[in-house]
Amino acid sequence: MGRGVCLHFLSAQAYSQFMAQLQEHAATVDWSDCPLVEINPRKLSGVPVLKGTRMQADSILANHRSGLAADEIAEVFELPVESVRSLLVYAAEHHAVSKP
């Protein structure tokens, strides 16, 4: 463990770098056809999230790109590991996931 991104404890510079990375990668995936993701204007202003959660799909992808494995992401953010794996598979099939 220890490689996850906890935004609460990041320095201002590290936070800015993380957010820049997130924005860069966010444009690479169209989540609108992903059955695991919901886009609801009443939930996080319409940001794509893993269904049934408030976890942004792009945040899962950014954590994976920073080196966290699916099971680590699931543990850190208390998400079902199969949902995280399936979301990453969807992203990979849409040419969005780079191997860490």
N, C-alpha and C. Protein backbone atom coordinates (compact mmCIF):
# COMPACT_ATOMS: atom_id res chain seq x y z
N MET A 1 0.85 -1.18 0.00
CA MET A 1 0.00 0.00 0.00
C MET A 1 0.89 1.24 0.00
N GLY A 2 0.31 2.38 0.32
CA GLY A 2 1.09 3.60 0.40
C GLY A 2 1.23 4.35 -0.90
N ARG A 3 0.73 3.80 -2.00
CA ARG A 3 0.88 4.48 -3.28
C ARG A 3 -0.40 5.19 -3.71
N GLY A 4 -1.46 5.07 -2.96
CA GLY A 4 -2.73 5.70 -3.31
C GLY A 4 -2.66 7.21 -3.20
N VAL A 5 -3.59 7.85 -3.83
CA VAL A 5 -3.64 9.30 -3.80
C VAL A 5 -4.75 9.72 -2.85
N CYS A 6 -4.37 10.32 -1.75
CA CYS A 6 -5.34 10.86 -0.80
C CYS A 6 -5.22 12.38 -0.90
N LEU A 7 -6.14 13.01 -1.59
CA LEU A 7 -6.05 14.43 -1.89
C LEU A 7 -5.99 15.29 -0.63
N HIS A 8 -6.53 14.81 0.46
CA HIS A 8 -6.56 15.58 1.70
C HIS A 8 -5.16 15.86 2.24
N PHE A 9 -4.21 14.95 1.98
CA PHE A 9 -2.88 15.06 2.54
C PHE A 9 -1.82 15.51 1.54
N LEU A 10 -2.20 15.89 0.36
CA LEU A 10 -1.24 16.34 -0.65
C LEU A 10 -0.86 17.79 -0.41
N SER A 11 0.39 18.11 -0.73
CA SER A 11 0.81 19.52 -0.72
C SER A 11 0.10 20.23 -1.86
N ALA A 12 0.11 21.54 -1.83
CA ALA A 12 -0.55 22.32 -2.88
C ALA A 12 0.05 22.00 -4.25
N GLN A 13 1.37 21.86 -4.32
CA GLN A 13 2.03 21.56 -5.59
C GLN A 13 1.66 20.16 -6.07
N ALA A 14 1.69 19.18 -5.16
CA ALA A 14 1.35 17.82 -5.53
C ALA A 14 -0.12 17.73 -5.95
N TYR A 15 -0.99 18.46 -5.27
CA TYR A 15 -2.40 18.48 -5.63
C TYR A 15 -2.58 19.04 -7.03
N SER A 16 -1.90 20.13 -7.33
CA SER A 16 -1.99 20.74 -8.66
C SER A 16 -1.51 19.79 -9.74
N GLN A 17 -0.42 19.09 -9.47
CA GLN A 17 0.10 18.12 -10.44
C GLN A 17 -0.88 16.97 -10.64
N PHE A 18 -1.45 16.48 -9.54
CA PHE A 18 -2.41 15.39 -9.63
C PHE A 18 -3.63 15.82 -10.44
N MET A 19 -4.15 17.01 -10.16
CA MET A 19 -5.33 17.49 -10.87
C MET A 19 -5.03 17.71 -12.36
N ALA A 20 -3.84 18.19 -12.68
CA ALA A 20 -3.45 18.36 -14.08
C ALA A 20 -3.42 17.01 -14.79
N GLN A 21 -2.86 16.01 -14.10
CA GLN A 21 -2.82 14.66 -14.67
C GLN A 21 -4.23 14.13 -14.86
N LEU A 22 -5.08 14.33 -13.88
CA LEU A 22 -6.46 13.87 -13.96
C LEU A 22 -7.18 14.52 -15.14
N GLN A 23 -7.02 15.82 -15.31
CA GLN A 23 -7.68 16.52 -16.41
C GLN A 23 -7.14 16.03 -17.76
N GLU A 24 -5.85 15.79 -17.83
CA GLU A 24 -5.25 15.31 -19.07
C GLU A 24 -5.84 13.97 -19.48
N HIS A 25 -6.01 13.08 -18.50
CA HIS A 25 -6.52 11.75 -18.80
C HIS A 25 -8.04 11.70 -18.89
N ALA A 26 -8.71 12.65 -18.28
CA ALA A 26 -10.17 12.65 -18.28
C ALA A 26 -10.74 12.72 -19.69
N ALA A 27 -10.08 13.45 -20.55
CA ALA A 27 -10.57 13.63 -21.91
C ALA A 27 -10.36 12.39 -22.77
N THR A 28 -9.64 11.40 -22.26
CA THR A 28 -9.32 10.23 -23.08
C THR A 28 -10.38 9.15 -23.04
N VAL A 29 -11.35 9.25 -22.15
CA VAL A 29 -12.38 8.21 -22.03
C VAL A 29 -13.76 8.84 -22.14
N ASP A 30 -14.58 8.27 -23.01
CA ASP A 30 -15.99 8.66 -23.07
C ASP A 30 -16.74 7.62 -22.25
N TRP A 31 -17.12 7.99 -21.05
CA TRP A 31 -17.76 7.05 -20.13
C TRP A 31 -19.25 6.87 -20.42
N SER A 32 -19.81 7.61 -21.35
CA SER A 32 -21.26 7.61 -21.56
C SER A 32 -21.83 6.24 -21.95
N ASP A 33 -21.03 5.37 -22.55
CA ASP A 33 -21.51 4.04 -22.92
C ASP A 33 -21.11 2.95 -21.93
N CYS A 34 -20.43 3.32 -20.87
CA CYS A 34 -19.97 2.33 -19.89
C CYS A 34 -21.11 1.98 -18.93
N PRO A 35 -21.50 0.70 -18.88
CA PRO A 35 -22.61 0.31 -18.01
C PRO A 35 -22.29 0.42 -16.51
N LEU A 36 -21.03 0.58 -16.16
CA LEU A 36 -20.63 0.69 -14.76
C LEU A 36 -20.66 2.12 -14.24
N VAL A 37 -20.85 3.06 -15.16
CA VAL A 37 -20.74 4.48 -14.82
C VAL A 37 -22.08 5.17 -14.99
N GLU A 38 -22.36 6.08 -14.09
CA GLU A 38 -23.55 6.91 -14.22
C GLU A 38 -23.14 8.37 -14.32
N ILE A 39 -23.90 9.10 -15.11
CA ILE A 39 -23.70 10.53 -15.27
C ILE A 39 -25.02 11.19 -14.91
N ASN A 40 -25.04 11.82 -13.75
CA ASN A 40 -26.27 12.40 -13.23
C ASN A 40 -25.97 13.84 -12.81
N PRO A 41 -26.66 14.82 -13.39
CA PRO A 41 -26.38 16.21 -13.04
C PRO A 41 -26.58 16.52 -11.56
N ARG A 42 -27.32 15.67 -10.85
CA ARG A 42 -27.54 15.88 -9.42
C ARG A 42 -26.48 15.20 -8.55
N LYS A 43 -25.57 14.50 -9.19
CA LYS A 43 -24.51 13.81 -8.46
C LYS A 43 -23.18 14.34 -8.97
N LEU A 44 -22.47 15.08 -8.14
CA LEU A 44 -21.17 15.67 -8.49
C LEU A 44 -21.25 16.48 -9.78
N SER A 45 -22.33 17.19 -9.96
CA SER A 45 -22.53 18.08 -11.11
C SER A 45 -22.38 17.37 -12.46
N GLY A 46 -22.74 16.10 -12.49
CA GLY A 46 -22.72 15.37 -13.75
C GLY A 46 -21.39 14.73 -14.11
N VAL A 47 -20.44 14.74 -13.19
CA VAL A 47 -19.15 14.07 -13.42
C VAL A 47 -19.41 12.57 -13.44
N PRO A 48 -18.84 11.83 -14.39
CA PRO A 48 -19.03 10.38 -14.43
C PRO A 48 -18.51 9.70 -13.17
N VAL A 49 -19.38 8.93 -12.51
CA VAL A 49 -19.01 8.22 -11.28
C VAL A 49 -19.34 6.74 -11.41
N LEU A 50 -18.65 5.93 -10.64
CA LEU A 50 -18.97 4.52 -10.55
C LEU A 50 -20.38 4.40 -9.98
N LYS A 51 -21.25 3.64 -10.64
CA LYS A 51 -22.64 3.54 -10.21
C LYS A 51 -22.75 3.18 -8.74
N GLY A 52 -23.67 3.86 -8.07
CA GLY A 52 -23.92 3.59 -6.67
C GLY A 52 -22.92 4.22 -5.73
N THR A 53 -22.00 5.01 -6.27
CA THR A 53 -20.98 5.67 -5.44
C THR A 53 -20.86 7.13 -5.86
N ARG A 54 -19.97 7.84 -5.20
CA ARG A 54 -19.61 9.19 -5.60
C ARG A 54 -18.16 9.20 -6.09
N MET A 55 -17.63 8.02 -6.41
CA MET A 55 -16.24 7.89 -6.86
C MET A 55 -16.15 8.16 -8.34
N GLN A 56 -15.38 9.18 -8.70
CA GLN A 56 -15.24 9.57 -10.10
C GLN A 56 -14.50 8.49 -10.88
N ALA A 57 -15.05 8.14 -12.03
CA ALA A 57 -14.43 7.14 -12.89
C ALA A 57 -13.01 7.57 -13.28
N ASP A 58 -12.83 8.84 -13.56
CA ASP A 58 -11.51 9.34 -13.94
C ASP A 58 -10.52 9.25 -12.79
N SER A 59 -10.99 9.34 -11.56
CA SER A 59 -10.10 9.21 -10.40
C SER A 59 -9.59 7.77 -10.27
N ILE A 60 -10.46 6.82 -10.55
CA ILE A 60 -10.03 5.41 -10.54
C ILE A 60 -8.95 5.21 -11.59
N LEU A 61 -9.19 5.73 -12.77
CA LEU A 61 -8.23 5.61 -13.86
C LEU A 61 -6.91 6.32 -13.52
N ALA A 62 -6.98 7.50 -12.96
CA ALA A 62 -5.77 8.25 -12.59
C ALA A 62 -4.96 7.50 -11.53
N ASN A 63 -5.64 6.90 -10.56
CA ASN A 63 -4.94 6.13 -9.54
C ASN A 63 -4.26 4.91 -10.14
N HIS A 64 -4.93 4.27 -11.09
CA HIS A 64 -4.32 3.12 -11.77
C HIS A 64 -3.09 3.56 -12.55
N ARG A 65 -3.19 4.66 -13.25
CA ARG A 65 -2.06 5.17 -14.03
C ARG A 65 -0.90 5.59 -13.13
N SER A 66 -1.19 5.95 -11.90
CA SER A 66 -0.11 6.34 -10.99
C SER A 66 0.55 5.12 -10.34
N GLY A 67 0.04 3.93 -10.66
CA GLY A 67 0.69 2.71 -10.20
C GLY A 67 -0.09 1.84 -9.25
N LEU A 68 -1.27 2.25 -8.88
CA LEU A 68 -2.09 1.46 -7.96
C LEU A 68 -2.78 0.34 -8.74
N ALA A 69 -2.75 -0.86 -8.19
CA ALA A 69 -3.45 -2.00 -8.80
C ALA A 69 -4.94 -1.90 -8.47
N ALA A 70 -5.76 -2.62 -9.22
CA ALA A 70 -7.21 -2.59 -9.02
C ALA A 70 -7.60 -2.95 -7.60
N ASP A 71 -6.98 -4.00 -7.04
CA ASP A 71 -7.35 -4.39 -5.67
C ASP A 71 -6.94 -3.34 -4.66
N GLU A 72 -5.85 -2.62 -4.91
CA GLU A 72 -5.44 -1.54 -4.01
C GLU A 72 -6.41 -0.37 -4.09
N ILE A 73 -6.84 -0.03 -5.30
CA ILE A 73 -7.81 1.05 -5.46
C ILE A 73 -9.10 0.69 -4.73
N ALA A 74 -9.54 -0.53 -4.91
CA ALA A 74 -10.77 -1.00 -4.25
C ALA A 74 -10.64 -0.90 -2.74
N GLU A 75 -9.49 -1.30 -2.21
CA GLU A 75 -9.29 -1.26 -0.77
C GLU A 75 -9.22 0.17 -0.24
N VAL A 76 -8.44 1.02 -0.90
CA VAL A 76 -8.26 2.40 -0.45
C VAL A 76 -9.58 3.17 -0.45
N PHE A 77 -10.37 2.99 -1.50
CA PHE A 77 -11.61 3.76 -1.65
C PHE A 77 -12.86 2.98 -1.26
N GLU A 78 -12.67 1.78 -0.71
CA GLU A 78 -13.77 0.93 -0.25
C GLU A 78 -14.80 0.70 -1.36
N LEU A 79 -14.29 0.18 -2.48
CA LEU A 79 -15.12 -0.12 -3.64
C LEU A 79 -15.06 -1.62 -3.93
N PRO A 80 -16.07 -2.16 -4.60
CA PRO A 80 -16.00 -3.57 -4.99
C PRO A 80 -14.87 -3.77 -6.00
N VAL A 81 -13.99 -4.70 -5.73
CA VAL A 81 -12.83 -4.91 -6.58
C VAL A 81 -13.24 -5.28 -8.01
N GLU A 82 -14.30 -6.04 -8.16
CA GLU A 82 -14.74 -6.42 -9.51
C GLU A 82 -15.21 -5.20 -10.31
N SER A 83 -15.83 -4.25 -9.63
CA SER A 83 -16.26 -3.02 -10.32
C SER A 83 -15.06 -2.22 -10.79
N VAL A 84 -14.04 -2.14 -9.95
CA VAL A 84 -12.82 -1.41 -10.33
C VAL A 84 -12.15 -2.10 -11.50
N ARG A 85 -12.01 -3.42 -11.42
CA ARG A 85 -11.38 -4.17 -12.51
C ARG A 85 -12.17 -4.00 -13.81
N SER A 86 -13.47 -4.10 -13.73
CA SER A 86 -14.31 -3.98 -14.93
C SER A 86 -14.21 -2.58 -15.53
N LEU A 87 -14.16 -1.57 -14.67
CA LEU A 87 -14.02 -0.20 -15.16
C LEU A 87 -12.69 -0.02 -15.88
N LEU A 88 -11.62 -0.60 -15.34
CA LEU A 88 -10.30 -0.51 -15.97
C LEU A 88 -10.26 -1.29 -17.29
N VAL A 89 -10.97 -2.41 -17.34
CA VAL A 89 -11.06 -3.16 -18.60
C VAL A 89 -11.77 -2.32 -19.65
N TYR A 90 -12.87 -1.69 -19.26
CA TYR A 90 -13.59 -0.81 -20.19
C TYR A 90 -12.66 0.28 -20.70
N ALA A 91 -11.92 0.91 -19.80
CA ALA A 91 -10.99 1.98 -20.19
C ALA A 91 -9.92 1.44 -21.14
N ALA A 92 -9.40 0.25 -20.85
CA ALA A 92 -8.37 -0.36 -21.70
C ALA A 92 -8.92 -0.65 -23.09
N GLU A 93 -10.14 -1.13 -23.15
CA GLU A 93 -10.76 -1.44 -24.44
C GLU A 93 -11.02 -0.18 -25.26
N HIS A 94 -11.06 0.93 -24.57
CA HIS A 94 -11.25 2.21 -25.25
C HIS A 94 -9.95 3.00 -25.29
N HIS A 95 -8.84 2.26 -25.21
CA HIS A 95 -7.49 2.81 -25.36
C HIS A 95 -7.18 3.92 -24.37
N ALA A 96 -7.59 3.72 -23.12
CA ALA A 96 -7.38 4.78 -22.14
C ALA A 96 -6.39 4.41 -21.04
N VAL A 97 -6.13 3.14 -20.82
CA VAL A 97 -5.28 2.74 -19.71
C VAL A 97 -3.87 2.45 -20.22
N SER A 98 -2.90 3.11 -19.62
CA SER A 98 -1.51 2.79 -19.92
C SER A 98 -0.99 1.93 -18.77
N LYS A 99 -0.19 0.97 -19.08
CA LYS A 99 0.34 0.09 -18.04
C LYS A 99 1.33 0.86 -17.18
N PRO A 100 1.17 0.80 -15.85
CA PRO A 100 2.11 1.52 -14.96
C PRO A 100 3.49 0.89 -14.99
